[in-house]
Protein backbone atom coordinates (compact mmCIF):
# COMPACT_ATOMS: atom_id res chain seq x y z
CA MET A 1 -11.51 20.86 -7.58
CA PRO A 2 -12.69 19.20 -4.35
CA GLY A 3 -12.41 15.45 -4.47
CA SER A 4 -10.10 15.46 -7.48
CA ALA A 5 -7.45 13.48 -5.60
CA GLN A 6 -9.99 10.76 -4.93
CA VAL A 7 -11.14 10.74 -8.56
CA LEU A 8 -7.54 10.48 -9.76
CA SER A 9 -6.84 7.76 -7.20
CA ASN A 10 -9.88 5.80 -8.36
CA LEU A 11 -8.75 6.08 -11.98
CA GLY A 12 -5.35 4.79 -10.92
CA LEU A 13 -6.97 1.85 -9.15
CA ALA A 14 -9.00 1.06 -12.26
CA PHE A 15 -5.84 0.90 -14.34
CA LEU A 16 -4.14 -1.17 -11.66
CA ALA A 17 -7.05 -3.62 -11.62
CA SER A 18 -6.87 -3.92 -15.38
CA GLY A 19 -3.20 -4.89 -15.21
CA GLU A 20 -1.75 -1.53 -16.24
CA PRO A 21 0.36 -0.43 -13.27
CA GLU A 22 2.38 2.09 -15.31
CA SER A 23 -0.80 3.94 -16.29
CA ALA A 24 -2.10 3.59 -12.75
CA LEU A 25 1.00 5.28 -11.39
CA VAL A 26 0.49 8.28 -13.68
CA TYR A 27 -2.91 8.95 -12.12
CA LEU A 28 -1.78 8.10 -8.60
CA ASP A 29 1.17 10.49 -8.89
CA GLN A 30 -1.31 13.22 -9.81
CA ALA A 31 -3.55 12.21 -6.90
CA VAL A 32 -0.65 12.48 -4.45
CA ALA A 33 0.28 15.87 -5.90
CA SER A 34 -3.32 16.98 -5.39
CA ASP A 35 -3.57 15.65 -1.82
CA PRO A 36 -0.25 14.53 -0.33
CA HIS A 37 -1.88 14.05 3.08
CA SER A 38 -4.44 11.44 2.08
CA PRO A 39 -3.42 8.08 3.53
CA THR A 40 -5.79 6.35 1.10
CA VAL A 41 -4.12 7.94 -1.91
CA LEU A 42 -0.67 7.12 -0.52
CA VAL A 43 -1.62 3.46 0.03
CA ASN A 44 -3.05 3.22 -3.46
CA ARG A 45 0.17 4.63 -4.92
CA ALA A 46 2.12 2.06 -2.90
CA ALA A 47 0.03 -0.69 -4.50
CA ALA A 48 0.97 0.53 -7.98
CA LEU A 49 4.64 0.73 -7.01
CA GLU A 50 4.49 -2.80 -5.65
CA ALA A 51 2.90 -4.02 -8.88
CA LEU A 52 5.87 -2.52 -10.70
CA ALA A 53 8.26 -4.36 -8.36
CA ARG A 54 9.44 -1.04 -6.93
CA PHE A 55 9.30 -2.46 -3.43
CA ASP A 56 11.49 0.05 -1.59
CA GLU A 57 9.43 2.92 -2.97
CA ALA A 58 6.20 1.10 -2.10
CA GLU A 59 7.34 0.57 1.47
CA HIS A 60 8.37 4.23 1.72
CA GLN A 61 4.94 5.29 0.46
CA LEU A 62 3.26 3.13 3.09
CA ARG A 63 5.39 4.73 5.77
CA CYS A 64 4.34 8.15 4.48
CA ALA A 65 0.71 7.10 4.85
CA LEU A 66 1.45 6.00 8.41
CA GLU A 67 3.08 9.35 9.19
CA VAL A 68 -0.19 11.00 8.19
CA ASP A 69 -2.34 8.50 10.10
CA PRO A 70 -0.40 6.08 12.34
CA GLY A 71 -3.43 3.87 12.84
CA PHE A 72 -4.49 3.61 9.18
CA VAL A 73 -5.25 -0.10 8.93
CA PRO A 74 -4.81 -0.46 5.13
CA ALA A 75 -1.27 0.94 5.41
CA LEU A 76 -0.47 -1.25 8.43
CA TYR A 77 -1.78 -4.36 6.68
CA ASN A 78 -0.09 -3.61 3.36
CA GLU A 79 3.23 -2.89 5.02
CA ALA A 80 3.15 -6.26 6.79
CA ILE A 81 2.16 -8.08 3.59
CA LEU A 82 4.79 -6.25 1.52
CA VAL A 83 7.51 -7.16 4.01
CA LEU A 84 6.24 -10.74 4.02
CA SER A 85 6.25 -10.95 0.23
CA ARG A 86 9.88 -9.85 0.30
CA GLY A 87 10.67 -12.87 2.47
CA ASP A 88 11.05 -11.26 5.88
CA SER A 89 8.49 -13.26 7.85
CA THR A 90 10.03 -12.28 11.20
CA ARG A 91 9.59 -8.57 10.53
CA ALA A 92 6.13 -9.15 9.03
CA ARG A 93 5.03 -10.94 12.19
CA ALA A 94 6.44 -8.14 14.32
CA LEU A 95 4.61 -5.53 12.24
CA ALA A 96 1.40 -7.50 12.45
CA ARG A 97 1.64 -7.81 16.20
CA SER A 98 2.81 -4.29 16.95
CA ASN A 99 0.32 -2.65 14.64
CA ALA A 100 -2.73 -4.67 15.65
CA VAL A 101 -3.12 -6.07 12.15
CA SER A 102 -5.18 -9.23 12.29
CA GLN A 103 -2.79 -12.06 13.03
CA ALA A 104 -5.15 -14.53 11.34
CA VAL A 105 -5.12 -12.53 8.09
CA VAL A 106 -1.32 -12.32 8.04
CA GLU A 107 -0.95 -16.00 8.89
CA ARG A 108 -3.24 -16.88 5.98
CA ARG A 109 -0.95 -14.89 3.68
CA TRP A 110 2.12 -16.62 5.18
CA LYS A 111 0.62 -19.92 4.08
CA GLU A 112 0.10 -18.52 0.58
CA TYR A 113 3.82 -17.71 0.49
CA GLY A 114 4.72 -21.15 1.88
CA LEU A 115 6.15 -19.79 5.12
């Protein structure tokens, strides 16, 4: 069914927003299976993985999104923030600079993390 990946992804986001990342991942896994080349779906799945503290998998999913669309800003931003949240401010800064992610946005998040 056309658009089913987006519908599944949106359901996953609804569960994620309601604090149910395990349920979110069920729908997001189905969304990725339906459209493995959607950078939006891949980024949304990464968000669920991050919420489950599955950081390596989340970062891998973001890289998959960037393989599909190297300039996809949500993936670029989320990768920098994920790396930052894991304590690697040097790499986060490098990602932000090299990927044209807004330096001001990343710096605001650095302050949130006390860096």
